[in-house]
PDB file of N, CA and C in Angstrom:
ATOM      1  N   MET A   1     -26.673-122.348  -7.240  1.00  0.00           N
ATOM      2  CA  MET A   1     -25.425-122.129  -6.508  1.00  0.00           C
ATOM      3  C   MET A   1     -25.674-122.299  -5.030  1.00  0.00           C
ATOM      4  N   PRO A   2     -24.849-123.091  -4.359  1.00  0.00           N
ATOM      5  CA  PRO A   2     -25.020-123.266  -2.889  1.00  0.00           C
ATOM      6  C   PRO A   2     -24.770-121.954  -2.158  1.00  0.00           C
ATOM      7  N   PRO A   3     -25.456-121.766  -1.015  1.00  0.00           N
ATOM      8  CA  PRO A   3     -25.290-120.563  -0.273  1.00  0.00           C
ATOM      9  C   PRO A   3     -23.845-120.250   0.138  1.00  0.00           C
ATOM     10  N   THR A   4     -23.055-121.271   0.427  1.00  0.00           N
ATOM     11  CA  THR A   4     -21.700-121.085   0.869  1.00  0.00           C
ATOM     12  C   THR A   4     -20.882-120.402  -0.249  1.00  0.00           C
ATOM     13  N   VAL A   5     -21.076-120.864  -1.485  1.00  0.00           N
ATOM     14  CA  VAL A   5     -20.371-120.247  -2.575  1.00  0.00           C
ATOM     15  C   VAL A   5     -20.798-118.813  -2.830  1.00  0.00           C
ATOM     16  N   ALA A   6     -22.050-118.525  -2.684  1.00  0.00           N
ATOM     17  CA  ALA A   6     -22.515-117.176  -2.873  1.00  0.00           C
ATOM     18  C   ALA A   6     -21.962-116.240  -1.792  1.00  0.00           C
ATOM     19  N   TYR A   7     -21.951-116.701  -0.534  1.00  0.00           N
ATOM     20  CA  TYR A   7     -21.386-115.906   0.540  1.00  0.00           C
ATOM     21  C   TYR A   7     -19.879-115.676   0.271  1.00  0.00           C
ATOM     22  N   ALA A   8     -19.184-116.713  -0.181  1.00  0.00           N
ATOM     23  CA  ALA A   8     -17.731-116.570  -0.439  1.00  0.00           C
ATOM     24  C   ALA A   8     -17.492-115.562  -1.540  1.00  0.00           C
ATOM     25  N   ILE A   9     -18.310-115.591  -2.580  1.00  0.00           N
ATOM     26  CA  ILE A   9     -18.161-114.618  -3.654  1.00  0.00           C
ATOM     27  C   ILE A   9     -18.392-113.236  -3.175  1.00  0.00           C
ATOM     28  N   PHE A  10     -19.474-113.033  -2.403  1.00  0.00           N
ATOM     29  CA  PHE A  10     -19.752-111.664  -1.838  1.00  0.00           C
ATOM     30  C   PHE A  10     -18.609-111.186  -0.931  1.00  0.00           C
ATOM     31  N   VAL A  11     -18.068-112.068  -0.144  1.00  0.00           N
ATOM     32  CA  VAL A  11     -16.981-111.643   0.773  1.00  0.00           C
ATOM     33  C   VAL A  11     -15.709-111.284  -0.002  1.00  0.00           C
ATOM     34  N   VAL A  12     -15.334-112.139  -0.964  1.00  0.00           N
ATOM     35  CA  VAL A  12     -14.117-111.889  -1.701  1.00  0.00           C
ATOM     36  C   VAL A  12     -14.276-110.599  -2.558  1.00  0.00           C
ATOM     37  N   PHE A  13     -15.389-110.452  -3.216  1.00  0.00           N
ATOM     38  CA  PHE A  13     -15.621-109.225  -3.998  1.00  0.00           C
ATOM     39  C   PHE A  13     -15.642-107.973  -3.097  1.00  0.00           C
ATOM     40  N   GLY A  14     -16.282-108.114  -1.958  1.00  0.00           N
ATOM     41  CA  GLY A  14     -16.324-106.989  -1.035  1.00  0.00           C
ATOM     42  C   GLY A  14     -14.932-106.648  -0.517  1.00  0.00           C
ATOM     43  N   GLY A  15     -14.122-107.662  -0.182  1.00  0.00           N
ATOM     44  CA  GLY A  15     -12.781-107.381   0.295  1.00  0.00           C
ATOM     45  C   GLY A  15     -11.903-106.758  -0.774  1.00  0.00           C
ATOM     46  N   LEU A  16     -12.104-107.115  -2.002  1.00  0.00           N
ATOM     47  CA  LEU A  16     -11.306-106.558  -3.085  1.00  0.00           C
ATOM     48  C   LEU A  16     -11.769-105.129  -3.460  1.00  0.00           C
ATOM     49  N   VAL A  17     -13.025-104.873  -3.334  1.00  0.00           N
ATOM     50  CA  VAL A  17     -13.562-103.550  -3.721  1.00  0.00           C
ATOM     51  C   VAL A  17     -13.491-102.527  -2.585  1.00  0.00           C
ATOM     52  N   VAL A  18     -13.710-102.985  -1.386  1.00  0.00           N
ATOM     53  CA  VAL A  18     -13.805-102.064  -0.250  1.00  0.00           C
ATOM     54  C   VAL A  18     -12.515-101.316   0.018  1.00  0.00           C
ATOM     55  N   VAL A  19     -11.405-102.029  -0.042  1.00  0.00           N
ATOM     56  CA  VAL A  19     -10.114-101.460   0.338  1.00  0.00           C
ATOM     57  C   VAL A  19      -9.548-100.757  -0.916  1.00  0.00           C
ATOM     58  N   PRO A  20      -9.350 -99.461  -0.908  1.00  0.00           N
ATOM     59  CA  PRO A  20      -8.916 -98.728  -2.058  1.00  0.00           C
ATOM     60  C   PRO A  20      -7.401 -98.824  -2.224  1.00  0.00           C
ATOM     61  N   ASP A  21      -6.876-100.013  -2.345  1.00  0.00           N
ATOM     62  CA  ASP A  21      -5.450-100.231  -2.426  1.00  0.00           C
ATOM     63  C   ASP A  21      -5.082-100.618  -3.889  1.00  0.00           C
ATOM     64  N   PRO A  22      -4.370 -99.796  -4.593  1.00  0.00           N
ATOM     65  CA  PRO A  22      -4.071-100.121  -6.017  1.00  0.00           C
ATOM     66  C   PRO A  22      -3.146-101.316  -6.162  1.00  0.00           C
ATOM     67  N   THR A  23      -2.341-101.656  -5.120  1.00  0.00           N
ATOM     68  CA  THR A  23      -1.456-102.771  -5.190  1.00  0.00           C
ATOM     69  C   THR A  23      -2.134-104.089  -4.764  1.00  0.00           C
ATOM     70  N   MET A  24      -3.289-103.993  -4.131  1.00  0.00           N
ATOM     71  CA  MET A  24      -4.042-105.134  -3.619  1.00  0.00           C
ATOM     72  C   MET A  24      -3.294-105.815  -2.517  1.00  0.00           C
ATOM     73  N   ALA A  25      -2.297-105.260  -1.939  1.00  0.00           N
ATOM     74  CA  ALA A  25      -1.529-105.852  -0.870  1.00  0.00           C
ATOM     75  C   ALA A  25      -2.370-105.987   0.407  1.00  0.00           C
ATOM     76  N   LEU A  26      -3.355-105.102   0.589  1.00  0.00           N
ATOM     77  CA  LEU A  26      -4.223-105.185   1.739  1.00  0.00           C
ATOM     78  C   LEU A  26      -5.620-105.770   1.410  1.00  0.00           C
ATOM     79  N   SER A  27      -6.005-105.720   0.134  1.00  0.00           N
ATOM     80  CA  SER A  27      -7.271-106.225  -0.283  1.00  0.00           C
ATOM     81  C   SER A  27      -7.326-107.772  -0.192  1.00  0.00           C
ATOM     82  N   ILE A  28      -6.256-108.382  -0.580  1.00  0.00           N
ATOM     83  CA  ILE A  28      -6.211-109.883  -0.553  1.00  0.00           C
ATOM     84  C   ILE A  28      -6.260-110.431   0.853  1.00  0.00           C
ATOM     85  N   PRO A  29      -5.525-109.907   1.844  1.00  0.00           N
ATOM     86  CA  PRO A  29      -5.689-110.407   3.202  1.00  0.00           C
ATOM     87  C   PRO A  29      -7.076-110.181   3.794  1.00  0.00           C
ATOM     88  N   VAL A  30      -7.759-109.061   3.442  1.00  0.00           N
ATOM     89  CA  VAL A  30      -9.105-108.831   3.890  1.00  0.00           C
ATOM     90  C   VAL A  30     -10.039-109.880   3.313  1.00  0.00           C
ATOM     91  N   SER A  31      -9.845-110.180   2.031  1.00  0.00           N
ATOM     92  CA  SER A  31     -10.661-111.215   1.402  1.00  0.00           C
ATOM     93  C   SER A  31     -10.378-112.594   2.030  1.00  0.00           C
ATOM     94  N   GLY A  32      -9.128-112.848   2.342  1.00  0.00           N
ATOM     95  CA  GLY A  32      -8.801-114.144   2.969  1.00  0.00           C
ATOM     96  C   GLY A  32      -9.414-114.285   4.329  1.00  0.00           C
ATOM     97  N   ILE A  33      -9.405-113.218   5.127  1.00  0.00           N
ATOM     98  CA  ILE A  33     -10.042-113.282   6.457  1.00  0.00           C
ATOM     99  C   ILE A  33     -11.550-113.465   6.248  1.00  0.00           C
ATOM    100  N   GLY A  34     -12.108-112.840   5.255  1.00  0.00           N
ATOM    101  CA  GLY A  34     -13.577-113.019   5.004  1.00  0.00           C
ATOM    102  C   GLY A  34     -13.844-114.478   4.618  1.00  0.00           C
ATOM    103  N   LEU A  35     -12.977-115.095   3.831  1.00  0.00           N
ATOM    104  CA  LEU A  35     -13.174-116.512   3.439  1.00  0.00           C
ATOM    105  C   LEU A  35     -13.051-117.404   4.674  1.00  0.00           C
ATOM    106  N   VAL A  36     -12.186-117.071   5.595  1.00  0.00           N
ATOM    107  CA  VAL A  36     -12.055-117.877   6.852  1.00  0.00           C
ATOM    108  C   VAL A  36     -13.358-117.715   7.620  1.00  0.00           C
ATOM    109  N   ALA A  37     -13.968-116.514   7.684  1.00  0.00           N
ATOM    110  CA  ALA A  37     -15.208-116.319   8.345  1.00  0.00           C
ATOM    111  C   ALA A  37     -16.318-117.107   7.684  1.00  0.00           C
ATOM    112  N   VAL A  38     -16.336-117.190   6.367  1.00  0.00           N
ATOM    113  CA  VAL A  38     -17.370-117.965   5.675  1.00  0.00           C
ATOM    114  C   VAL A  38     -17.210-119.447   5.991  1.00  0.00           C
ATOM    115  N   GLY A  39     -15.948-119.932   5.978  1.00  0.00           N
ATOM    116  CA  GLY A  39     -15.708-121.323   6.338  1.00  0.00           C
ATOM    117  C   GLY A  39     -16.116-121.650   7.757  1.00  0.00           C
ATOM    118  N   TYR A  40     -15.819-120.783   8.711  1.00  0.00           N
ATOM    119  CA  TYR A  40     -16.183-120.989  10.094  1.00  0.00           C
ATOM    120  C   TYR A  40     -17.736-120.968  10.218  1.00  0.00           C
ATOM    121  N   ALA A  41     -18.353-120.028   9.551  1.00  0.00           N
ATOM    122  CA  ALA A  41     -19.806-119.994   9.646  1.00  0.00           C
ATOM    123  C   ALA A  41     -20.493-121.183   8.998  1.00  0.00           C
ATOM    124  N   ARG A  42     -19.860-121.696   7.963  1.00  0.00           N
ATOM    125  CA  ARG A  42     -20.367-122.926   7.290  1.00  0.00           C
ATOM    126  C   ARG A  42     -20.255-124.130   8.246  1.00  0.00           C
ATOM    127  N   ILE A  43     -19.120-124.273   8.866  1.00  0.00           N
ATOM    128  CA  ILE A  43     -18.917-125.386   9.796  1.00  0.00           C
ATOM    129  C   ILE A  43     -19.801-125.278  11.011  1.00  0.00           C
ATOM    130  N   ASP A  44     -19.939-124.048  11.532  1.00  0.00           N
ATOM    131  CA  ASP A  44     -20.695-123.821  12.750  1.00  0.00           C
ATOM    132  C   ASP A  44     -22.206-123.810  12.513  1.00  0.00           C
ATOM    133  N   GLY A  45     -22.618-123.622  11.278  1.00  0.00           N
ATOM    134  CA  GLY A  45     -24.034-123.629  10.972  1.00  0.00           C
ATOM    135  C   GLY A  45     -24.667-122.229  11.113  1.00  0.00           C
ATOM    136  N   SER A  46     -23.847-121.198  11.226  1.00  0.00           N
ATOM    137  CA  SER A  46     -24.366-119.872  11.378  1.00  0.00           C
ATOM    138  C   SER A  46     -24.189-119.033  10.142  1.00  0.00           C
ATOM    139  N   LEU A  47     -24.281-119.619   8.986  1.00  0.00           N
ATOM    140  CA  LEU A  47     -24.042-118.887   7.703  1.00  0.00           C
ATOM    141  C   LEU A  47     -25.031-117.779   7.485  1.00  0.00           C
ATOM    142  N   PRO A  48     -26.329-117.951   7.793  1.00  0.00           N
ATOM    143  CA  PRO A  48     -27.289-116.851   7.562  1.00  0.00           C
ATOM    144  C   PRO A  48     -26.936-115.556   8.343  1.00  0.00           C
ATOM    145  N   GLU A  49     -26.356-115.735   9.554  1.00  0.00           N
ATOM    146  CA  GLU A  49     -25.986-114.562  10.351  1.00  0.00           C
ATOM    147  C   GLU A  49     -24.869-113.749   9.718  1.00  0.00           C
ATOM    148  N   LEU A  50     -24.045-114.422   8.867  1.00  0.00           N
ATOM    149  CA  LEU A  50     -22.955-113.722   8.205  1.00  0.00           C
ATOM    150  C   LEU A  50     -23.424-112.669   7.229  1.00  0.00           C
ATOM    151  N   GLY A  51     -24.669-112.800   6.783  1.00  0.00           N
ATOM    152  CA  GLY A  51     -25.238-111.815   5.896  1.00  0.00           C
ATOM    153  C   GLY A  51     -25.232-110.398   6.437  1.00  0.00           C
ATOM    154  N   TRP A  52     -25.419-110.304   7.753  1.00  0.00           N
ATOM    155  CA  TRP A  52     -25.343-108.964   8.402  1.00  0.00           C
ATOM    156  C   TRP A  52     -23.944-108.405   8.324  1.00  0.00           C
ATOM    157  N   GLY A  53     -22.959-109.222   8.495  1.00  0.00           N
ATOM    158  CA  GLY A  53     -21.591-108.761   8.391  1.00  0.00           C
ATOM    159  C   GLY A  53     -21.231-108.348   6.967  1.00  0.00           C
ATOM    160  N   ILE A  54     -21.723-109.103   6.011  1.00  0.00           N
ATOM    161  CA  ILE A  54     -21.473-108.769   4.611  1.00  0.00           C
ATOM    162  C   ILE A  54     -22.131-107.441   4.239  1.00  0.00           C
ATOM    163  N   ALA A  55     -23.372-107.284   4.732  1.00  0.00           N
ATOM    164  CA  ALA A  55     -24.079-106.003   4.485  1.00  0.00           C
ATOM    165  C   ALA A  55     -23.304-104.795   5.118  1.00  0.00           C
ATOM    166  N   ALA A  56     -22.777-105.024   6.346  1.00  0.00           N
ATOM    167  CA  ALA A  56     -22.030-103.976   6.987  1.00  0.00           C
ATOM    168  C   ALA A  56     -20.721-103.711   6.239  1.00  0.00           C
ATOM    169  N   LEU A  57     -20.080-104.752   5.694  1.00  0.00           N
ATOM    170  CA  LEU A  57     -18.888-104.608   4.950  1.00  0.00           C
ATOM    171  C   LEU A  57     -19.100-103.697   3.736  1.00  0.00           C
ATOM    172  N   TYR A  58     -20.186-103.963   2.989  1.00  0.00           N
ATOM    173  CA  TYR A  58     -20.500-103.153   1.799  1.00  0.00           C
ATOM    174  C   TYR A  58     -20.907-101.741   2.171  1.00  0.00           C
ATOM    175  N   ALA A  59     -21.674-101.578   3.265  1.00  0.00           N
ATOM    176  CA  ALA A  59     -22.063-100.227   3.670  1.00  0.00           C
ATOM    177  C   ALA A  59     -20.830 -99.399   4.115  1.00  0.00           C
ATOM    178  N   PHE A  60     -19.955-100.038   4.880  1.00  0.00           N
ATOM    179  CA  PHE A  60     -18.713 -99.358   5.267  1.00  0.00           C
ATOM    180  C   PHE A  60     -17.837 -99.065   4.077  1.00  0.00           C
ATOM    181  N   GLY A  61     -17.787-100.001   3.130  1.00  0.00           N
ATOM    182  CA  GLY A  61     -16.970 -99.837   1.960  1.00  0.00           C
ATOM    183  C   GLY A  61     -17.407 -98.657   1.076  1.00  0.00           C
ATOM    184  N   ILE A  62     -18.724 -98.503   0.948  1.00  0.00           N
ATOM    185  CA  ILE A  62     -19.235 -97.393   0.163  1.00  0.00           C
ATOM    186  C   ILE A  62     -18.860 -96.050   0.848  1.00  0.00           C
ATOM    187  N   ALA A  63     -19.105 -95.997   2.162  1.00  0.00           N
ATOM    188  CA  ALA A  63     -18.798 -94.760   2.923  1.00  0.00           C
ATOM    189  C   ALA A  63     -17.292 -94.457   2.863  1.00  0.00           C
ATOM    190  N   ALA A  64     -16.465 -95.476   3.077  1.00  0.00           N
ATOM    191  CA  ALA A  64     -15.035 -95.282   3.123  1.00  0.00           C
ATOM    192  C   ALA A  64     -14.499 -94.917   1.718  1.00  0.00           C
ATOM    193  N   SER A  65     -15.054 -95.484   0.698  1.00  0.00           N
ATOM    194  CA  SER A  65     -14.563 -95.154  -0.647  1.00  0.00           C
ATOM    195  C   SER A  65     -14.897 -93.759  -1.036  1.00  0.00           C
ATOM    196  N   ILE A  66     -16.077 -93.276  -0.674  1.00  0.00           N
ATOM    197  CA  ILE A  66     -16.480 -91.893  -0.934  1.00  0.00           C
ATOM    198  C   ILE A  66     -15.572 -90.947  -0.111  1.00  0.00           C
ATOM    199  N   GLY A  67     -15.324 -91.291   1.101  1.00  0.00           N
ATOM    200  CA  GLY A  67     -14.479 -90.436   1.969  1.00  0.00           C
ATOM    201  C   GLY A  67     -13.054 -90.370   1.448  1.00  0.00           C
ATOM    202  N   ILE A  68     -12.474 -91.490   1.070  1.00  0.00           N
ATOM    203  CA  ILE A  68     -11.092 -91.479   0.583  1.00  0.00           C
ATOM    204  C   ILE A  68     -11.030 -90.771  -0.757  1.00  0.00           C
ATOM    205  N   TRP A  69     -12.043 -90.972  -1.595  1.00  0.00           N
ATOM    206  CA  TRP A  69     -12.035 -90.340  -2.897  1.00  0.00           C
ATOM    207  C   TRP A  69     -12.110 -88.840  -2.733  1.00  0.00           C
ATOM    208  N   ALA A  70     -12.841 -88.363  -1.763  1.00  0.00           N
ATOM    209  CA  ALA A  70     -13.044 -86.908  -1.547  1.00  0.00           C
ATOM    210  C   ALA A  70     -11.765 -86.203  -1.119  1.00  0.00           C
ATOM    211  N   VAL A  71     -10.928 -86.935  -0.338  1.00  0.00           N
ATOM    212  CA  VAL A  71      -9.742 -86.264   0.216  1.00  0.00           C
ATOM    213  C   VAL A  71      -8.417 -86.962  -0.261  1.00  0.00           C
ATOM    214  N   ARG A  72      -8.506 -87.646  -1.397  1.00  0.00           N
ATOM    215  CA  ARG A  72      -7.391 -88.407  -1.889  1.00  0.00           C
ATOM    216  C   ARG A  72      -6.149 -87.532  -2.148  1.00  0.00           C
ATOM    217  N   SER A  73      -6.333 -86.373  -2.782  1.00  0.00           N
ATOM    218  CA  SER A  73      -5.216 -85.532  -3.126  1.00  0.00           C
ATOM    219  C   SER A  73      -4.575 -84.964  -1.838  1.00  0.00           C
ATOM    220  N   ARG A  74      -5.383 -84.624  -0.889  1.00  0.00           N
ATOM    221  CA  ARG A  74      -4.790 -84.100   0.374  1.00  0.00           C
ATOM    222  C   ARG A  74      -4.048 -85.164   1.128  1.00  0.00           C
ATOM    223  N   LEU A  75      -4.582 -86.384   1.127  1.00  0.00           N
ATOM    224  CA  LEU A  75      -3.858 -87.473   1.773  1.00  0.00           C
ATOM    225  C   LEU A  75      -2.567 -87.782   1.082  1.00  0.00           C
ATOM    226  N   ALA A  76      -2.572 -87.728  -0.242  1.00  0.00           N
ATOM    227  CA  ALA A  76      -1.300 -88.009  -0.978  1.00  0.00           C
ATOM    228  C   ALA A  76      -0.313 -86.919  -0.757  1.00  0.00           C
ATOM    229  N   GLU A  77      -0.750 -85.670  -0.675  1.00  0.00           N
ATOM    230  CA  GLU A  77       0.222 -84.563  -0.428  1.00  0.00           C
ATOM    231  C   GLU A  77       0.835 -84.666   0.972  1.00  0.00           C
ATOM    232  N   SER A  78       0.050 -85.056   1.926  1.00  0.00           N
ATOM    233  CA  SER A  78       0.578 -85.116   3.302  1.00  0.00           C
ATOM    234  C   SER A  78       1.253 -86.444   3.621  1.00  0.00           C
ATOM    235  N   GLY A  79       1.201 -87.431   2.695  1.00  0.00           N
ATOM    236  CA  GLY A  79       1.827 -88.700   2.913  1.00  0.00           C
ATOM    237  C   GLY A  79       1.014 -89.659   3.795  1.00  0.00           C
ATOM    238  N   LEU A  80      -0.230 -89.393   3.937  1.00  0.00           N
ATOM    239  CA  LEU A  80      -1.092 -90.200   4.821  1.00  0.00           C
ATOM    240  C   LEU A  80      -2.004 -91.157   4.065  1.00  0.00           C
ATOM    241  N   TYR A  81      -1.830 -91.258   2.746  1.00  0.00           N
ATOM    242  CA  TYR A  81      -2.712 -92.118   1.950  1.00  0.00           C
ATOM    243  C   TYR A  81      -2.559 -93.571   2.379  1.00  0.00           C
ATOM    244  N   GLY A  82      -1.338 -94.027   2.591  1.00  0.00           N
ATOM    245  CA  GLY A  82      -1.097 -95.402   2.972  1.00  0.00           C
ATOM    246  C   GLY A  82      -1.696 -95.677   4.357  1.00  0.00           C
ATOM    247  N   ALA A  83      -1.598 -94.733   5.286  1.00  0.00           N
ATOM    248  CA  ALA A  83      -2.168 -94.952   6.610  1.00  0.00           C
ATOM    249  C   ALA A  83      -3.722 -95.003   6.521  1.00  0.00           C
ATOM    250  N   ALA A  84      -4.285 -94.200   5.648  1.00  0.00           N
ATOM    251  CA  ALA A  84      -5.745 -94.191   5.493  1.00  0.00           C
ATOM    252  C   ALA A  84      -6.191 -95.516   4.883  1.00  0.00           C
ATOM    253  N   VAL A  85      -5.459 -96.081   3.933  1.00  0.00           N
ATOM    254  CA  VAL A  85      -5.816 -97.349   3.312  1.00  0.00           C
ATOM    255  C   VAL A  85      -5.673 -98.478   4.358  1.00  0.00           C
ATOM    256  N   LEU A  86      -4.638 -98.425   5.165  1.00  0.00           N
ATOM    257  CA  LEU A  86      -4.475 -99.401   6.224  1.00  0.00           C
ATOM    258  C   LEU A  86      -5.610 -99.341   7.242  1.00  0.00           C
ATOM    259  N   ALA A  87      -6.046 -98.122   7.546  1.00  0.00           N
ATOM    260  CA  ALA A  87      -7.153 -97.960   8.488  1.00  0.00           C
ATOM    261  C   ALA A  87      -8.448 -98.513   7.889  1.00  0.00           C
ATOM    262  N   VAL A  88      -8.685 -98.298   6.613  1.00  0.00           N
ATOM    263  CA  VAL A  88      -9.868 -98.822   5.931  1.00  0.00           C
ATOM    264  C   VAL A  88      -9.816-100.384   5.929  1.00  0.00           C
ATOM    265  N   ALA A  89      -8.615-100.942   5.689  1.00  0.00           N
ATOM    266  CA  ALA A  89      -8.540-102.399   5.653  1.00  0.00           C
ATOM    267  C   ALA A  89      -8.821-102.975   7.008  1.00  0.00           C
ATOM    268  N   THR A  90      -8.281-102.363   8.055  1.00  0.00           N
ATOM    269  CA  THR A  90      -8.500-102.846   9.421  1.00  0.00           C
ATOM    270  C   THR A  90      -9.992-102.704   9.839  1.00  0.00           C
ATOM    271  N   LEU A  91     -10.566-101.592   9.549  1.00  0.00           N
ATOM    272  CA  LEU A  91     -11.960-101.354   9.888  1.00  0.00           C
ATOM    273  C   LEU A  91     -12.897-102.204   9.041  1.00  0.00           C
ATOM    274  N   SER A  92     -12.518-102.579   7.847  1.00  0.00           N
ATOM    275  CA  SER A  92     -13.392-103.419   7.060  1.00  0.00           C
ATOM    276  C   SER A  92     -13.458-104.845   7.624  1.00  0.00           C
ATOM    277  N   ILE A  93     -12.376-105.278   8.225  1.00  0.00           N
ATOM    278  CA  ILE A  93     -12.441-106.579   8.909  1.00  0.00           C
ATOM    279  C   ILE A  93     -13.395-106.535  10.096  1.00  0.00           C
ATOM    280  N   ALA A  94     -13.292-105.436  10.883  1.00  0.00           N
ATOM    281  CA  ALA A  94     -14.191-105.206  12.001  1.00  0.00           C
ATOM    282  C   ALA A  94     -15.613-105.072  11.505  1.00  0.00           C
ATOM    283  N   ALA A  95     -15.823-104.406  10.387  1.00  0.00           N
ATOM    284  CA  ALA A  95     -17.185-104.232   9.849  1.00  0.00           C
ATOM    285  C   ALA A  95     -17.797-105.580   9.443  1.00  0.00           C
ATOM    286  N   LEU A  96     -16.939-106.481   8.965  1.00  0.00           N
ATOM    287  CA  LEU A  96     -17.453-107.821   8.556  1.00  0.00           C
ATOM    288  C   LEU A  96     -17.738-108.720   9.806  1.00  0.00           C
ATOM    289  N   LEU A  97     -16.784-108.735  10.708  1.00  0.00           N
ATOM    290  CA  LEU A  97     -16.871-109.698  11.813  1.00  0.00           C
ATOM    291  C   LEU A  97     -17.768-109.188  12.967  1.00  0.00           C
ATOM    292  N   GLY A  98     -17.794-107.868  13.196  1.00  0.00           N
ATOM    293  CA  GLY A  98     -18.563-107.345  14.336  1.00  0.00           C
ATOM    294  C   GLY A  98     -20.062-107.700  14.261  1.00  0.00           C
ATOM    295  N   PRO A  99     -20.726-107.238  13.181  1.00  0.00           N
ATOM    296  CA  PRO A  99     -22.157-107.600  13.101  1.00  0.00           C
ATOM    297  C   PRO A  99     -22.455-109.051  13.037  1.00  0.00           C
ATOM    298  N   TYR A 100     -21.525-109.849  12.453  1.00  0.00           N
ATOM    299  CA  TYR A 100     -21.716-111.263  12.389  1.00  0.00           C
ATOM    300  C   TYR A 100     -21.736-111.854  13.817  1.00  0.00           C
ATOM    301  N   LEU A 101     -20.774-111.450  14.614  1.00  0.00           N
ATOM    302  CA  LEU A 101     -20.677-111.959  15.995  1.00  0.00           C
ATOM    303  C   LEU A 101     -21.861-111.488  16.848  1.00  0.00           C
ATOM    304  N   ILE A 102     -22.292-110.266  16.615  1.00  0.00           N
ATOM    305  CA  ILE A 102     -23.463-109.781  17.366  1.00  0.00           C
ATOM    306  C   ILE A 102     -24.737-110.530  16.946  1.00  0.00           C
ATOM    307  N   ALA A 103     -24.938-110.698  15.624  1.00  0.00           N
ATOM    308  CA  ALA A 103     -26.109-111.428  15.150  1.00  0.00           C
ATOM    309  C   ALA A 103     -26.079-112.873  15.552  1.00  0.00           C
ATOM    310  N   ARG A 104     -24.900-113.407  15.691  1.00  0.00           N
ATOM    311  CA  ARG A 104     -24.743-114.797  16.059  1.00  0.00           C
ATOM    312  C   ARG A 104     -24.983-114.964  17.561  1.00  0.00           C
ATOM    313  N   GLY A 105     -24.880-113.917  18.312  1.00  0.00           N
ATOM    314  CA  GLY A 105     -25.179-113.980  19.721  1.00  0.00           C
ATOM    315  C   GLY A 105     -24.069-114.525  20.574  1.00  0.00           C
ATOM    316  N   ARG A 106     -22.811-114.278  20.179  1.00  0.00           N
ATOM    317  CA  ARG A 106     -21.652-114.777  20.941  1.00  0.00           C
ATOM    318  C   ARG A 106     -20.891-113.669  21.615  1.00  0.00           C
ATOM    319  N   GLU A 107     -21.530-112.544  21.899  1.00  0.00           N
ATOM    320  CA  GLU A 107     -20.815-111.497  22.607  1.00  0.00           C
ATOM    321  C   GLU A 107     -20.585-111.900  24.045  1.00  0.00           C
ATOM    322  N   ASN A 108     -19.404-111.857  24.519  1.00  0.00           N
ATOM    323  CA  ASN A 108     -19.090-112.221  25.873  1.00  0.00           C
ATOM    324  C   ASN A 108     -18.903-110.989  26.689  1.00  0.00           C
ATOM    325  N   VAL A 109     -19.814-110.740  27.645  1.00  0.00           N
ATOM    326  CA  VAL A 109     -19.791-109.583  28.465  1.00  0.00           C
ATOM    327  C   VAL A 109     -19.607-109.999  29.901  1.00  0.00           C
ATOM    328  N   ARG A 110     -18.504-109.639  30.470  1.00  0.00           N
ATOM    329  CA  ARG A 110     -18.128-109.963  31.871  1.00  0.00           C
ATOM    330  C   ARG A 110     -18.310-111.443  32.178  1.00  0.00           C
ATOM    331  N   GLY A 111     -17.878-112.280  31.285  1.00  0.00           N
ATOM    332  CA  GLY A 111     -17.881-113.704  31.517  1.00  0.00           C
ATOM    333  C   GLY A 111     -19.205-114.371  31.214  1.00  0.00           C
ATOM    334  N   VAL A 112     -20.242-113.602  30.857  1.00  0.00           N
ATOM    335  CA  VAL A 112     -21.517-114.211  30.543  1.00  0.00           C
ATOM    336  C   VAL A 112     -21.669-114.259  29.021  1.00  0.00           C
ATOM    337  N   THR A 113     -21.895-115.415  28.510  1.00  0.00           N
ATOM    338  CA  THR A 113     -22.052-115.609  27.067  1.00  0.00           C
ATOM    339  C   THR A 113     -23.541-115.621  26.727  1.00  0.00           C
ATOM    340  N   PHE A 114     -23.940-114.659  25.859  1.00  0.00           N
ATOM    341  CA  PHE A 114     -25.323-114.582  25.429  1.00  0.00           C
ATOM    342  C   PHE A 114     -25.484-115.372  24.152  1.00  0.00           C
ATOM    343  N   THR A 115     -26.389-116.314  24.129  1.00  0.00           N
ATOM    344  CA  THR A 115     -26.623-117.074  22.884  1.00  0.00           C
ATOM    345  C   THR A 115     -28.031-116.893  22.454  1.00  0.00           C
ATOM    346  N   SER A 116     -28.181-116.838  21.143  1.00  0.00           N
ATOM    347  CA  SER A 116     -29.512-116.646  20.561  1.00  0.00           C
ATOM    348  C   SER A 116     -30.145-117.956  20.202  1.00  0.00           C
ATOM    349  N   ARG A 117     -29.362-119.057  20.330  1.00  0.00           N
ATOM    350  CA  ARG A 117     -29.908-120.394  19.991  1.00  0.00           C
ATOM    351  C   ARG A 117     -29.786-121.292  21.195  1.00  0.00           C
ATOM    352  N   ASN A 118     -30.674-122.245  21.246  1.00  0.00           N
ATOM    353  CA  ASN A 118     -30.583-123.241  22.277  1.00  0.00           C
ATOM    354  C   ASN A 118     -29.821-124.431  21.663  1.00  0.00           C
ATOM    355  N   ARG A 119     -28.638-124.649  22.138  1.00  0.00           N
ATOM    356  CA  ARG A 119     -27.817-125.755  21.574  1.00  0.00           C
ATOM    357  C   ARG A 119     -27.628-126.823  22.579  1.00  0.00           C
TER     358      ARG A 119
END
């Protein structure tokens, strides 16, 4: 299996599993954004760096799932379950893209771009 397909499977599965949305209305966009990141990394040649983002996505997903599961009834009673799921979906995108961009070396700080590769 080519690495691009493996990364795509990991990202789609992670997006569907990480967001605890029974309707999958937020899981599918998270998976779609992950697929766009895989496509961009494939074109750019930085696919190995995306592994850090995928690892962070799964680590965040495990922690968020345990946290939501622990307080699910309280969130449902107070009407905040939807907001919590939306927060998890938003943060899962940040968990995927943040470590990828840092490992890729494209953090722009005060106009200075740090690169880890000589291009």
